[in-house]
Amino acid sequence: MDEPDYIIVGAGSAGCVLAARLTEDESNNVTLLEAGRNDKSVIIKMPAALSMPMNTKRFNWGFKSQPEPFVENRVMDCPRGLCVGGSSSINGMVYVRGHARDFDQWEAHGATGWNYQSCLPYFRKAETWIAGGDSYRGDDGPLAVSLGNEMRLNPLYKAFIDSGQQAGYPVTHDYNGYQQEGFGPMQMTVDRGVRASTAHAYLRPCENRPNLRILTNALVNRIVVRNQKAVGIEYQRNGKFFKLRAKKEIIISCGSIGSPVLLQRSGIGPKKILDNAGIKCVINLPGVGQNLQDHLEIYFQHQCKEPISLNGKIGVIDKSIIAASWLFFKRGLGATNHFESCAFIRSNAGIEWPDIQYHFLPGAMRYDGRAAFKGHGFQVHVGPTRPASRGHVHIRSGKVSDSPLIFFNYLAEESDKKTFRQCIHLTRDIFSQPAMSKYCGVEIQPGCSVKSDEDIDAWVRRNCESAYHPSCTCRIGSDEDSGAVLDNECRVKGLECLRIVDSSVFPVITNGNINAPTIMVAERVADMIKGIEMSEQRKEKVWIDPNWEIQQRAGHSPPTRAESRIPNE
């Protein structure tokens, strides 16, 4: 395999899928390169330890943004996976496909053939859903999708759902099926108590195939292009430099930060950016690194009146018990990401499908896993899912060691600020309902002093955090779209034998966490490469509130700013 048929750069959420699917055909020889190490660590495998690999240099590229002018010039963290499994090995394991309308929107933006009905078979193909398969869900795919502990270990999960129902919102038992909108249980990529990364689900079962070679600690410097054709790569490994040619194709799966950076370093991208970095322009593709999108969120925290939150489980003895239960039996509080209930709602009437997402946590914690305050508490992570603000990713130079210039441009658009205001008002209304209010102590943050639009805007600027969903930097689009980087089969425009397959290909960010749609894209492109025609589409119905044009929720009208109150104020 000195000259494989396919070179895949990046063994992450998409790369592992592609390696597994392409090597199902014994005639295909594949070399998979990963800049990081293996994923054989207990802090990756244990779901409850999710904050640890994300904060460990061994497993995280550790990217940082430029100062963001609309969030008080803060430099924002942008963790990306640096190990086999990529970001699926360090993420929160939340499994959200996105709303059906998201993919119809992809097609409307020029990604012909990427509508919901075309993508649905590949969502089904990827997964084994714990509740069993149907016309929406798969039951024989590599990726295990479960419900953690099914909300059994803490009453706050169900209280959150009940409060949403009391506030007039619908309940959904499967937001990845017929109905996304509403309150219900959260789904996660956990397999019998163990993180189901794409390394676990796809790569591990096939890693010993004779037609697959996996190279870890292999950092790709550039793509070699000859006569408008990608012919190979240059990489370094263990202090030595190598070249590798591909007989058929090179597939870049380095993620929404890494993929545009590698293209630009190889002379593929906006000429002005390449000139400034001292890189010879091989092909001028203005869209490479543009259109960067991400989800912002805030942590809405309350003290809890009863001593039932996770804040009571962070002592040494409790952690030891949790760890032992997980190590020996793969169950208990160690076997879940603790986000076991959630919601997707619309911020206002006239919004067709949800634009706000909730992750509920029965503890008041920081992202590093430390308690936010002394005593018991709980929180929701809440934020807009369809931001209007756009940023970019650019290289500084041709040096691999130089970190990229990442600029998200968070909250540049007024519509994003307005939706955050609604996040605050609507959350207070939800927490004021009987099911939740009986647990609600003092509102820790934003706090009772944050009421006016001006107060909310200022607090959000100071406290918002990335949800770590960067995407859309090498988007699919039509031939007429000068900002599009890829055609409808994820081939780089103007070049032969080069594809991008990861979250960077999204035309617009999906409505929720991005790991599931990234896996779906890889499943579909694998079939495209193998020449497999998709089976006949079934037109599955999707629930949309029939009165969405005139109501924000079915139960009653949302509170006005003046009516919005703080529980236990």
Protein backbone atom coordinates (compact mmCIF):
# COMPACT_ATOMS: atom_id res chain seq x y z
CA MET A 1 0.00 0.00 0.00
CA ASP A 2 2.80 2.41 -0.82
CA GLU A 3 0.37 4.15 -3.14
CA PRO A 4 -3.16 3.71 -1.80
CA ASP A 5 -6.29 4.27 -3.82
CA TYR A 6 -7.60 6.77 -1.26
CA ILE A 7 -5.84 9.02 1.21
CA ILE A 8 -8.03 10.28 4.06
CA VAL A 9 -6.58 13.14 6.10
CA GLY A 10 -8.12 13.26 9.57
CA ALA A 11 -9.44 10.32 11.60
CA GLY A 12 -12.29 12.27 13.13
CA SER A 13 -16.07 12.23 12.96
CA ALA A 14 -16.07 11.94 9.16
CA GLY A 15 -12.68 10.31 8.48
CA CYS A 16 -13.40 7.19 10.54
CA VAL A 17 -16.72 6.73 8.75
CA LEU A 18 -15.10 7.05 5.33
CA ALA A 19 -12.27 4.66 6.19
CA ALA A 20 -14.73 2.02 7.41
CA ARG A 21 -17.11 2.32 4.49
CA LEU A 22 -14.53 2.55 1.68
CA THR A 23 -12.63 -0.51 2.94
CA GLU A 24 -15.80 -2.60 2.92
CA ASP A 25 -14.82 -3.04 -0.75
CA GLU A 26 -11.71 -5.23 -0.61
CA SER A 27 -10.44 -3.74 -3.86
CA ASN A 28 -10.06 -0.31 -2.22
CA ASN A 29 -6.80 0.40 -0.43
CA VAL A 30 -7.04 3.26 2.06
CA THR A 31 -4.48 5.16 4.13
CA LEU A 32 -5.95 7.16 7.02
CA LEU A 33 -3.74 9.82 8.62
CA GLU A 34 -4.35 11.42 12.02
CA ALA A 35 -2.23 14.22 13.48
CA GLY A 36 -3.02 13.13 17.04
CA ARG A 37 -2.58 9.92 18.99
CA ASN A 38 -4.90 7.03 19.68
CA ASP A 39 -8.04 7.44 21.77
CA LYS A 40 -7.26 4.73 24.32
CA SER A 41 -7.85 6.74 27.46
CA VAL A 42 -10.36 6.25 30.25
CA ILE A 43 -11.24 9.97 30.25
CA ILE A 44 -12.38 9.61 26.64
CA LYS A 45 -14.28 6.37 27.18
CA MET A 46 -16.15 7.47 30.32
CA PRO A 47 -19.14 9.66 29.34
CA ALA A 48 -19.28 11.60 32.61
CA ALA A 49 -15.64 12.67 32.16
CA LEU A 50 -16.57 14.67 29.05
CA SER A 51 -14.99 17.91 30.28
CA MET A 52 -11.58 16.29 30.78
CA PRO A 53 -10.43 15.37 27.24
CA MET A 54 -11.75 18.71 26.00
CA ASN A 55 -9.39 20.39 28.47
CA THR A 56 -6.38 18.12 27.86
CA LYS A 57 -3.65 19.26 25.45
CA ARG A 58 -3.00 15.69 24.35
CA PHE A 59 -6.48 15.45 22.81
CA ASN A 60 -7.29 19.05 21.84
CA TRP A 61 -5.81 21.34 19.19
CA GLY A 62 -6.51 24.20 21.57
CA PHE A 63 -7.54 26.76 18.96
CA LYS A 64 -8.45 30.26 20.08
CA SER A 65 -10.37 32.98 18.31
CA GLN A 66 -9.22 36.48 17.62
CA PRO A 67 -10.63 39.08 20.01
CA GLU A 68 -14.36 39.15 19.28
CA PRO A 69 -15.52 42.79 19.12
CA PHE A 70 -19.21 42.19 19.90
CA VAL A 71 -18.55 40.09 23.03
CA GLU A 72 -16.27 42.62 24.71
CA ASN A 73 -13.18 41.61 22.74
CA ARG A 74 -12.99 38.27 24.49
CA VAL A 75 -10.76 35.56 23.05
CA MET A 76 -12.97 32.46 22.76
CA ASP A 77 -11.90 28.84 23.07
CA CYS A 78 -12.37 26.60 20.05
CA PRO A 79 -11.48 23.04 21.11
CA ARG A 80 -11.12 20.49 18.29
CA GLY A 81 -10.26 16.83 18.64
CA LEU A 82 -6.59 15.86 18.28
CA CYS A 83 -6.79 12.07 18.44
CA VAL A 84 -8.40 9.13 16.68
CA GLY A 85 -12.12 9.88 16.65
CA GLY A 86 -11.43 13.62 16.40
CA SER A 87 -14.03 15.82 18.02
CA SER A 88 -16.35 12.84 18.51
CA SER A 89 -13.80 11.71 21.13
CA ILE A 90 -13.91 14.95 23.12
CA ASN A 91 -17.43 16.32 22.55
CA GLY A 92 -20.48 16.20 24.81
CA MET A 93 -21.91 13.13 22.99
CA VAL A 94 -25.21 14.90 22.34
CA TYR A 95 -26.89 13.40 19.28
CA VAL A 96 -29.00 15.86 17.29
CA ARG A 97 -29.61 15.44 13.58
CA GLY A 98 -31.05 18.91 13.09
CA HIS A 99 -34.49 19.85 11.88
CA ALA A 100 -35.74 18.53 8.54
CA ARG A 101 -36.07 22.12 7.30
CA ASP A 102 -32.31 22.63 7.85
CA PHE A 103 -31.53 20.24 5.01
CA ASP A 104 -34.22 21.65 2.78
CA GLN A 105 -32.48 24.96 3.48
CA TRP A 106 -29.16 23.41 2.36
CA GLU A 107 -30.73 22.63 -0.98
CA ALA A 108 -32.20 26.13 -1.20
CA HIS A 109 -28.66 27.46 -0.75
CA GLY A 110 -27.42 25.53 -3.76
CA ALA A 111 -26.63 22.10 -2.31
CA THR A 112 -28.79 20.25 -4.81
CA GLY A 113 -29.82 16.80 -3.63
CA TRP A 114 -29.08 17.49 0.03
CA ASN A 115 -32.69 17.95 1.13
CA TYR A 116 -34.10 16.14 4.16
CA GLN A 117 -35.62 13.23 2.27
CA SER A 118 -32.25 12.57 0.60
CA CYS A 119 -30.31 12.75 3.87
CA LEU A 120 -32.74 10.72 6.00
CA PRO A 121 -31.65 7.28 4.66
CA TYR A 122 -28.07 8.05 5.73
CA PHE A 123 -29.06 9.12 9.20
CA ARG A 124 -30.85 5.79 9.47
CA LYS A 125 -27.91 3.87 7.98
CA ALA A 126 -25.47 5.30 10.53
CA GLU A 127 -27.29 4.45 13.75
CA THR A 128 -28.69 1.84 16.03
CA TRP A 129 -31.36 3.66 18.03
CA ILE A 130 -31.98 2.11 21.43
CA ALA A 131 -35.77 2.38 21.01
CA GLY A 132 -35.71 0.45 17.73
CA GLY A 133 -35.93 1.32 14.07
CA ASP A 134 -38.78 2.81 12.08
CA SER A 135 -39.14 4.98 8.99
CA TYR A 136 -37.16 7.74 10.76
CA ARG A 137 -34.71 5.77 12.90
CA GLY A 138 -32.13 3.07 12.15
CA ASP A 139 -31.63 -0.16 14.04
CA ASP A 140 -28.57 -1.82 12.47
CA GLY A 141 -25.99 0.95 12.02
CA PRO A 142 -22.56 1.18 13.66
CA LEU A 143 -23.36 4.16 15.88
CA ALA A 144 -25.17 3.43 19.14
CA VAL A 145 -27.64 6.15 20.16
CA SER A 146 -29.06 5.87 23.66
CA LEU A 147 -30.77 7.84 26.43
CA GLY A 148 -28.07 7.59 29.11
CA ASN A 149 -29.76 6.62 32.35
CA GLU A 150 -33.16 7.53 30.90
CA MET A 151 -33.68 10.27 33.51
CA ARG A 152 -34.06 7.67 36.28
CA LEU A 153 -31.39 9.05 38.62
CA ASN A 154 -32.61 12.60 39.12
CA PRO A 155 -36.15 14.08 39.31
CA LEU A 156 -35.00 17.44 37.91
CA TYR A 157 -34.87 16.05 34.37
CA LYS A 158 -38.56 15.27 34.25
CA ALA A 159 -39.41 18.45 36.14
CA PHE A 160 -37.84 20.44 33.32
CA ILE A 161 -39.94 18.61 30.72
CA ASP A 162 -43.10 18.98 32.81
CA SER A 163 -42.44 22.71 33.19
CA GLY A 164 -42.15 23.10 29.46
CA GLN A 165 -45.48 21.34 29.02
CA GLN A 166 -47.08 23.51 31.70
CA ALA A 167 -45.78 26.57 29.86
CA GLY A 168 -47.67 25.48 26.75
CA TYR A 169 -44.98 23.75 24.74
CA PRO A 170 -45.42 20.32 23.15
CA VAL A 171 -43.66 17.20 24.39
CA THR A 172 -41.58 15.21 21.92
CA HIS A 173 -40.35 11.72 22.70
CA ASP A 174 -37.96 11.67 19.73
CA TYR A 175 -36.67 15.00 18.43
CA ASN A 176 -34.71 13.12 15.75
CA GLY A 177 -37.87 11.57 14.35
CA TYR A 178 -41.20 13.03 13.31
CA GLN A 179 -41.18 16.01 15.68
CA GLN A 180 -38.19 18.02 16.82
CA GLU A 181 -40.07 20.89 18.46
CA GLY A 182 -40.83 20.48 22.14
CA PHE A 183 -39.48 19.18 25.45
CA GLY A 184 -38.25 15.64 25.90
CA PRO A 185 -35.40 13.23 26.67
CA MET A 186 -31.94 13.93 25.28
CA GLN A 187 -30.21 11.40 23.02
CA MET A 188 -26.51 10.66 23.21
CA THR A 189 -23.81 8.61 21.48
CA VAL A 190 -23.19 6.25 24.37
CA ASP A 191 -22.86 2.51 23.80
CA ARG A 192 -23.62 0.40 26.88
CA GLY A 193 -22.09 3.02 29.13
CA VAL A 194 -19.10 3.90 26.89
CA ARG A 195 -18.59 6.92 24.62
CA ALA A 196 -19.57 5.91 21.08
CA SER A 197 -17.13 8.05 19.10
CA THR A 198 -16.69 7.29 15.41
CA ALA A 199 -13.44 5.59 16.39
CA HIS A 200 -15.40 3.27 18.68
CA ALA A 201 -18.33 2.77 16.31
CA TYR A 202 -16.70 2.66 12.88
CA LEU A 203 -12.93 2.34 13.04
CA ARG A 204 -12.37 -0.18 15.82
CA PRO A 205 -14.30 -3.00 14.09
CA CYS A 206 -12.33 -2.59 10.85
CA GLU A 207 -8.88 -1.42 11.96
CA ASN A 208 -7.28 -4.79 11.16
CA ARG A 209 -8.51 -4.97 7.58
CA PRO A 210 -5.56 -5.65 5.24
CA ASN A 211 -6.69 -2.86 2.90
CA LEU A 212 -6.59 -0.19 5.64
CA ARG A 213 -3.47 1.51 7.00
CA ILE A 214 -3.82 3.92 9.93
CA LEU A 215 -1.02 6.40 10.64
CA THR A 216 -1.23 8.36 13.91
CA ASN A 217 1.04 11.29 14.80
CA ALA A 218 1.01 12.12 11.08
CA LEU A 219 0.70 15.85 10.48
CA VAL A 220 -0.10 16.75 6.87
CA ASN A 221 1.73 19.87 5.70
CA ARG A 222 0.12 20.32 2.31
CA ILE A 223 -1.75 18.75 -0.58
CA VAL A 224 0.35 18.24 -3.71
CA VAL A 225 -1.37 19.53 -6.85
CA ARG A 226 -0.19 18.91 -10.41
CA ASN A 227 -2.03 20.31 -13.45
CA GLN A 228 -5.20 21.06 -11.44
CA LYS A 229 -5.22 17.56 -9.99
CA ALA A 230 -4.55 16.54 -6.38
CA VAL A 231 -1.99 13.76 -6.62
CA GLY A 232 -0.67 13.34 -3.09
CA ILE A 233 0.23 14.82 0.27
CA GLU A 234 3.31 15.80 2.22
CA TYR A 235 3.33 14.93 5.90
CA GLN A 236 5.63 14.67 8.88
CA ARG A 237 5.73 11.85 11.39
CA ASN A 238 8.09 11.25 14.29
CA GLY A 239 10.36 14.05 13.12
CA LYS A 240 10.65 12.75 9.54
CA PHE A 241 9.07 14.06 6.33
CA PHE A 242 7.23 11.89 3.82
CA LYS A 243 5.30 12.10 0.57
CA LEU A 244 2.36 9.88 -0.29
CA ARG A 245 0.58 9.59 -3.63
CA ALA A 246 -3.03 8.52 -4.17
CA LYS A 247 -4.18 6.46 -7.15
CA LYS A 248 -7.75 7.72 -7.03
CA GLU A 249 -8.62 10.47 -4.55
CA ILE A 250 -7.53 12.51 -1.57
CA ILE A 251 -10.24 13.22 1.01
CA ILE A 252 -9.72 15.98 3.58
CA SER A 253 -11.64 15.47 6.83
CA CYS A 254 -9.84 17.85 9.18
CA GLY A 255 -12.93 19.69 10.37
CA SER A 256 -14.22 23.20 9.88
CA ILE A 257 -10.98 24.75 11.14
CA GLY A 258 -8.40 22.26 9.89
CA SER A 259 -9.78 21.66 6.39
CA PRO A 260 -9.78 25.29 5.15
CA VAL A 261 -6.37 25.81 6.78
CA LEU A 262 -4.87 22.81 4.94
CA LEU A 263 -6.40 23.96 1.66
CA GLN A 264 -5.03 27.48 2.09
CA ARG A 265 -1.60 26.17 3.07
CA SER A 266 -1.68 24.16 -0.18
CA GLY A 267 -2.44 27.23 -2.30
CA ILE A 268 -6.19 26.63 -2.55
CA GLY A 269 -8.27 29.55 -1.34
CA PRO A 270 -8.76 33.32 -1.56
CA LYS A 271 -5.83 34.76 -3.51
CA LYS A 272 -5.52 37.82 -1.28
CA ILE A 273 -5.24 35.66 1.85
CA LEU A 274 -2.70 33.39 0.18
CA ASP A 275 -0.64 36.34 -1.05
CA ASN A 276 -0.57 37.84 2.45
CA ALA A 277 0.62 34.50 3.84
CA GLY A 278 3.34 34.14 1.20
CA ILE A 279 1.65 31.14 -0.44
CA LYS A 280 1.59 30.68 -4.21
CA CYS A 281 -2.01 30.56 -5.38
CA VAL A 282 -2.74 27.24 -7.10
CA ILE A 283 -6.44 27.93 -7.51
CA ASN A 284 -8.34 31.02 -6.42
CA LEU A 285 -11.33 29.83 -4.40
CA PRO A 286 -12.68 32.85 -2.49
CA GLY A 287 -15.00 30.77 -0.27
CA VAL A 288 -12.31 28.67 1.45
CA GLY A 289 -12.38 29.65 5.11
CA GLN A 290 -15.33 32.02 4.75
CA ASN A 291 -18.89 31.56 6.04
CA LEU A 292 -17.75 30.37 9.51
CA GLN A 293 -20.75 29.69 11.76
CA ASP A 294 -21.09 28.54 15.34
CA HIS A 295 -23.62 28.30 18.15
CA LEU A 296 -23.34 30.55 21.18
CA GLU A 297 -25.01 29.70 24.46
CA ILE A 298 -25.36 30.94 28.01
CA TYR A 299 -25.63 28.99 31.27
CA PHE A 300 -28.86 29.86 33.04
CA GLN A 301 -28.30 28.79 36.66
CA HIS A 302 -30.47 28.45 39.77
CA GLN A 303 -29.81 27.34 43.27
CA CYS A 304 -31.76 24.18 44.06
CA LYS A 305 -33.99 24.07 47.15
CA GLU A 306 -33.47 20.34 47.61
CA PRO A 307 -30.08 18.57 47.98
CA ILE A 308 -30.51 16.44 44.88
CA SER A 309 -28.21 18.02 42.28
CA LEU A 310 -24.88 16.83 40.89
CA ASN A 311 -23.18 19.47 43.00
CA GLY A 312 -23.44 16.97 45.84
CA LYS A 313 -21.49 14.37 43.87
CA ILE A 314 -18.21 16.15 43.23
CA GLY A 315 -16.36 15.20 46.40
CA VAL A 316 -13.50 12.70 46.32
CA ILE A 317 -15.50 9.86 47.89
CA ASP A 318 -18.52 10.33 45.59
CA LYS A 319 -16.31 10.57 42.52
CA SER A 320 -14.52 7.37 43.54
CA ILE A 321 -17.82 5.51 43.91
CA ILE A 322 -19.04 6.80 40.53
CA ALA A 323 -15.76 5.83 38.86
CA ALA A 324 -15.78 2.33 40.40
CA SER A 325 -19.35 1.69 39.29
CA TRP A 326 -18.45 2.72 35.79
CA LEU A 327 -15.12 0.87 35.62
CA PHE A 328 -16.58 -2.45 36.79
CA PHE A 329 -20.16 -2.31 35.52
CA LYS A 330 -20.35 0.58 32.95
CA ARG A 331 -23.37 2.02 34.69
CA GLY A 332 -24.46 4.71 37.10
CA LEU A 333 -23.60 8.41 37.01
CA GLY A 334 -20.39 7.69 35.10
CA ALA A 335 -22.29 6.20 32.14
CA THR A 336 -24.04 9.37 30.98
CA ASN A 337 -23.17 12.88 29.81
CA HIS A 338 -25.79 14.11 32.34
CA PHE A 339 -27.69 16.07 29.69
CA GLU A 340 -30.71 13.77 29.80
CA SER A 341 -33.50 16.23 29.02
CA CYS A 342 -33.69 19.04 26.52
CA ALA A 343 -35.92 21.21 24.40
CA PHE A 344 -36.19 22.84 21.00
CA ILE A 345 -38.52 25.83 20.80
CA ARG A 346 -39.29 28.81 18.60
CA SER A 347 -38.41 32.27 19.85
CA ASN A 348 -41.44 34.01 18.35
CA ALA A 349 -44.52 33.57 16.23
CA GLY A 350 -43.67 33.64 12.54
CA ILE A 351 -40.67 31.32 13.02
CA GLU A 352 -41.41 28.09 11.17
CA TRP A 353 -39.13 25.69 13.03
CA PRO A 354 -37.14 25.90 16.29
CA ASP A 355 -34.38 28.46 16.69
CA ILE A 356 -33.60 27.95 20.40
CA GLN A 357 -32.08 24.84 21.98
CA TYR A 358 -31.90 23.79 25.65
CA HIS A 359 -29.55 21.30 27.29
CA PHE A 360 -30.68 20.67 30.88
CA LEU A 361 -28.10 19.71 33.53
CA PRO A 362 -29.10 18.79 37.12
CA GLY A 363 -26.04 20.60 38.44
CA ALA A 364 -24.54 24.07 38.29
CA MET A 365 -21.17 23.51 36.67
CA ARG A 366 -18.56 25.22 34.56
CA TYR A 367 -17.39 23.61 31.33
CA ASP A 368 -14.24 22.42 33.09
CA GLY A 369 -16.41 20.31 35.39
CA ARG A 370 -15.96 22.45 38.49
CA ALA A 371 -18.89 23.61 40.61
CA ALA A 372 -20.16 27.08 39.78
CA PHE A 373 -20.90 27.87 43.44
CA LYS A 374 -21.20 26.23 46.85
CA GLY A 375 -24.41 24.35 47.48
CA HIS A 376 -26.89 22.65 45.16
CA GLY A 377 -28.02 23.99 41.81
CA PHE A 378 -29.00 23.25 38.24
CA GLN A 379 -28.67 24.93 34.87
CA VAL A 380 -29.73 24.97 31.28
CA HIS A 381 -27.43 25.71 28.39
CA VAL A 382 -29.55 27.81 26.04
CA GLY A 383 -28.89 29.75 22.88
CA PRO A 384 -29.95 30.48 19.29
CA THR A 385 -29.51 27.64 16.84
CA ARG A 386 -29.74 29.64 13.61
CA PRO A 387 -27.34 32.55 14.04
CA ALA A 388 -27.07 35.19 11.33
CA SER A 389 -23.50 36.24 12.17
CA ARG A 390 -20.67 34.96 9.94
CA GLY A 391 -16.91 34.77 10.43
CA HIS A 392 -13.81 33.29 8.78
CA VAL A 393 -10.69 31.14 9.17
CA HIS A 394 -7.42 32.29 7.58
CA ILE A 395 -3.83 31.14 7.71
CA ARG A 396 -1.09 33.46 8.97
CA SER A 397 1.67 31.84 6.92
CA GLY A 398 2.67 28.61 5.29
CA LYS A 399 4.13 27.27 8.54
CA VAL A 400 2.29 24.35 10.08
CA SER A 401 3.27 25.59 13.52
CA ASP A 402 1.46 28.93 13.09
CA SER A 403 -2.02 28.83 14.54
CA PRO A 404 -4.79 30.02 12.22
CA LEU A 405 -6.63 33.32 12.49
CA ILE A 406 -10.13 32.38 13.64
CA PHE A 407 -12.77 35.10 13.76
CA PHE A 408 -16.36 34.08 14.55
CA ASN A 409 -17.86 37.58 14.55
CA TYR A 410 -20.24 36.51 17.31
CA LEU A 411 -23.35 38.70 17.84
CA ALA A 412 -22.52 40.96 14.91
CA GLU A 413 -26.14 40.74 13.75
CA GLU A 414 -28.98 42.35 15.67
CA SER A 415 -31.22 39.30 15.13
CA ASP A 416 -28.83 37.15 17.20
CA LYS A 417 -29.05 39.63 20.09
CA LYS A 418 -32.86 39.66 19.91
CA THR A 419 -33.01 35.87 20.08
CA PHE A 420 -30.77 35.84 23.14
CA ARG A 421 -33.15 38.28 24.84
CA GLN A 422 -35.96 35.82 24.15
CA CYS A 423 -33.81 33.02 25.57
CA ILE A 424 -33.76 34.86 28.90
CA HIS A 425 -37.45 35.79 28.97
CA LEU A 426 -38.68 32.38 27.86
CA THR A 427 -36.41 30.49 30.26
CA ARG A 428 -37.67 32.51 33.21
CA ASP A 429 -41.21 31.71 32.15
CA ILE A 430 -40.42 27.99 31.97
CA PHE A 431 -38.73 27.96 35.38
CA SER A 432 -41.71 29.79 36.91
CA GLN A 433 -44.04 26.88 36.18
CA PRO A 434 -45.12 24.69 39.12
CA ALA A 435 -43.06 21.62 38.19
CA MET A 436 -39.79 23.53 38.23
CA SER A 437 -40.50 26.41 40.56
CA LYS A 438 -40.72 24.10 43.56
CA TYR A 439 -37.00 23.38 43.07
CA CYS A 440 -35.97 26.91 42.08
CA GLY A 441 -34.00 28.83 44.62
CA VAL A 442 -32.21 32.07 43.85
CA GLU A 443 -31.45 32.76 40.20
CA ILE A 444 -27.66 32.74 40.19
CA GLN A 445 -27.25 33.96 36.66
CA PRO A 446 -28.22 36.07 34.89
CA GLY A 447 -29.61 37.21 38.27
CA CYS A 448 -32.55 39.33 39.32
CA SER A 449 -30.85 42.61 38.36
CA VAL A 450 -30.70 41.62 34.69
CA LYS A 451 -34.10 42.64 33.32
CA SER A 452 -34.00 45.28 30.59
CA ASP A 453 -32.90 44.62 27.03
CA GLU A 454 -29.79 46.66 27.72
CA ASP A 455 -29.00 44.64 30.84
CA ILE A 456 -29.54 41.35 29.01
CA ASP A 457 -27.40 42.39 26.06
CA ALA A 458 -24.55 43.43 28.35
CA TRP A 459 -24.77 40.24 30.41
CA VAL A 460 -24.82 38.03 27.30
CA ARG A 461 -21.78 39.81 25.87
CA ARG A 462 -19.84 39.11 29.10
CA ASN A 463 -21.01 35.56 29.69
CA CYS A 464 -21.86 33.82 26.43
CA GLU A 465 -19.74 30.82 25.49
CA SER A 466 -19.27 28.84 22.33
CA ALA A 467 -21.17 25.57 22.11
CA TYR A 468 -18.19 24.33 20.08
CA HIS A 469 -20.01 23.79 16.79
CA PRO A 470 -17.82 25.54 14.18
CA SER A 471 -18.92 24.71 10.66
CA CYS A 472 -19.60 25.82 7.08
CA THR A 473 -16.12 26.99 6.02
CA CYS A 474 -15.89 24.92 2.78
CA ARG A 475 -19.52 24.87 1.81
CA ILE A 476 -21.33 22.98 -0.92
CA GLY A 477 -22.93 25.21 -3.54
CA SER A 478 -23.91 25.69 -7.16
CA ASP A 479 -21.52 26.40 -10.02
CA GLU A 480 -22.82 29.96 -10.16
CA ASP A 481 -22.03 30.60 -6.49
CA SER A 482 -18.58 32.19 -6.25
CA GLY A 483 -18.48 31.57 -2.50
CA ALA A 484 -19.08 27.84 -2.77
CA VAL A 485 -16.02 25.59 -2.45
CA LEU A 486 -17.52 22.20 -3.28
CA ASP A 487 -19.91 20.67 -5.78
CA ASN A 488 -22.82 18.52 -4.70
CA GLU A 489 -20.58 15.48 -4.23
CA CYS A 490 -18.16 17.41 -2.02
CA ARG A 491 -15.49 17.67 -4.73
CA VAL A 492 -13.35 20.80 -4.64
CA LYS A 493 -14.27 23.05 -7.54
CA GLY A 494 -11.62 23.46 -10.21
CA LEU A 495 -9.58 20.47 -9.04
CA GLU A 496 -9.66 16.78 -9.79
CA CYS A 497 -9.40 14.01 -7.21
CA LEU A 498 -9.89 16.16 -4.10
CA ARG A 499 -12.88 16.13 -1.74
CA ILE A 500 -13.71 17.72 1.60
CA VAL A 501 -15.93 15.70 3.94
CA ASP A 502 -16.66 17.10 7.41
CA SER A 503 -18.74 19.84 9.06
CA SER A 504 -17.08 22.48 6.89
CA VAL A 505 -19.22 21.39 3.91
CA PHE A 506 -22.51 22.55 5.50
CA PRO A 507 -24.01 25.52 3.63
CA VAL A 508 -25.63 26.68 6.90
CA ILE A 509 -25.30 25.38 10.42
CA THR A 510 -27.85 22.82 11.52
CA ASN A 511 -30.38 23.24 14.29
CA GLY A 512 -28.48 21.62 17.13
CA ASN A 513 -25.23 19.79 17.81
CA ILE A 514 -23.29 19.02 14.63
CA ASN A 515 -21.77 15.57 15.14
CA ALA A 516 -24.78 13.64 13.80
CA PRO A 517 -25.06 15.56 10.50
CA THR A 518 -21.28 15.31 10.04
CA ILE A 519 -21.52 11.52 10.27
CA MET A 520 -24.47 11.55 7.88
CA VAL A 521 -22.48 13.56 5.31
CA ALA A 522 -19.62 11.04 5.50
CA GLU A 523 -21.99 8.09 5.09
CA ARG A 524 -23.52 9.66 2.01
CA VAL A 525 -20.27 10.71 0.35
CA ALA A 526 -18.87 7.21 0.92
CA ASP A 527 -21.71 5.86 -1.19
CA MET A 528 -21.09 8.53 -3.82
CA ILE A 529 -17.44 7.50 -4.06
CA LYS A 530 -18.37 3.81 -4.30
CA GLY A 531 -20.95 4.58 -6.98
CA ILE A 532 -23.85 3.29 -4.92
CA GLU A 533 -27.20 4.74 -5.87
CA MET A 534 -29.45 5.73 -3.04
CA SER A 535 -32.52 3.58 -2.67
CA GLU A 536 -35.89 5.07 -3.52
CA GLN A 537 -36.77 7.95 -1.24
CA ARG A 538 -39.70 7.75 1.10
CA LYS A 539 -41.49 11.02 1.73
CA GLU A 540 -41.66 11.07 5.50
CA LYS A 541 -43.79 13.70 7.14
CA VAL A 542 -42.34 16.17 9.63
CA TRP A 543 -44.29 18.01 12.30
CA ILE A 544 -44.55 21.77 12.01
CA ASP A 545 -46.85 23.71 14.31
CA PRO A 546 -49.85 24.36 12.03
CA ASN A 547 -50.24 27.81 13.57
CA TRP A 548 -46.57 28.79 13.57
CA GLU A 549 -47.27 32.02 11.72
CA ILE A 550 -49.45 33.38 14.52
CA GLN A 551 -48.26 31.65 17.73
CA GLN A 552 -44.94 31.01 19.45
CA ARG A 553 -46.28 27.89 21.16
CA ALA A 554 -49.51 25.99 21.20
CA GLY A 555 -50.46 26.53 24.83
CA HIS A 556 -50.61 30.30 25.15
CA SER A 557 -48.85 33.44 24.09
CA PRO A 558 -45.31 34.01 25.38
CA PRO A 559 -44.76 36.58 28.11
CA THR A 560 -43.91 40.09 27.17
CA ARG A 561 -40.81 41.68 28.61
CA ALA A 562 -42.93 43.42 31.19
CA GLU A 563 -44.69 40.17 32.16
CA SER A 564 -41.53 38.10 32.34
CA ARG A 565 -40.70 37.43 35.96
CA ILE A 566 -37.85 35.87 37.83
CA PRO A 567 -38.80 32.86 39.96
CA ASN A 568 -38.44 33.58 43.66
CA GLU A 569 -37.63 37.19 42.91
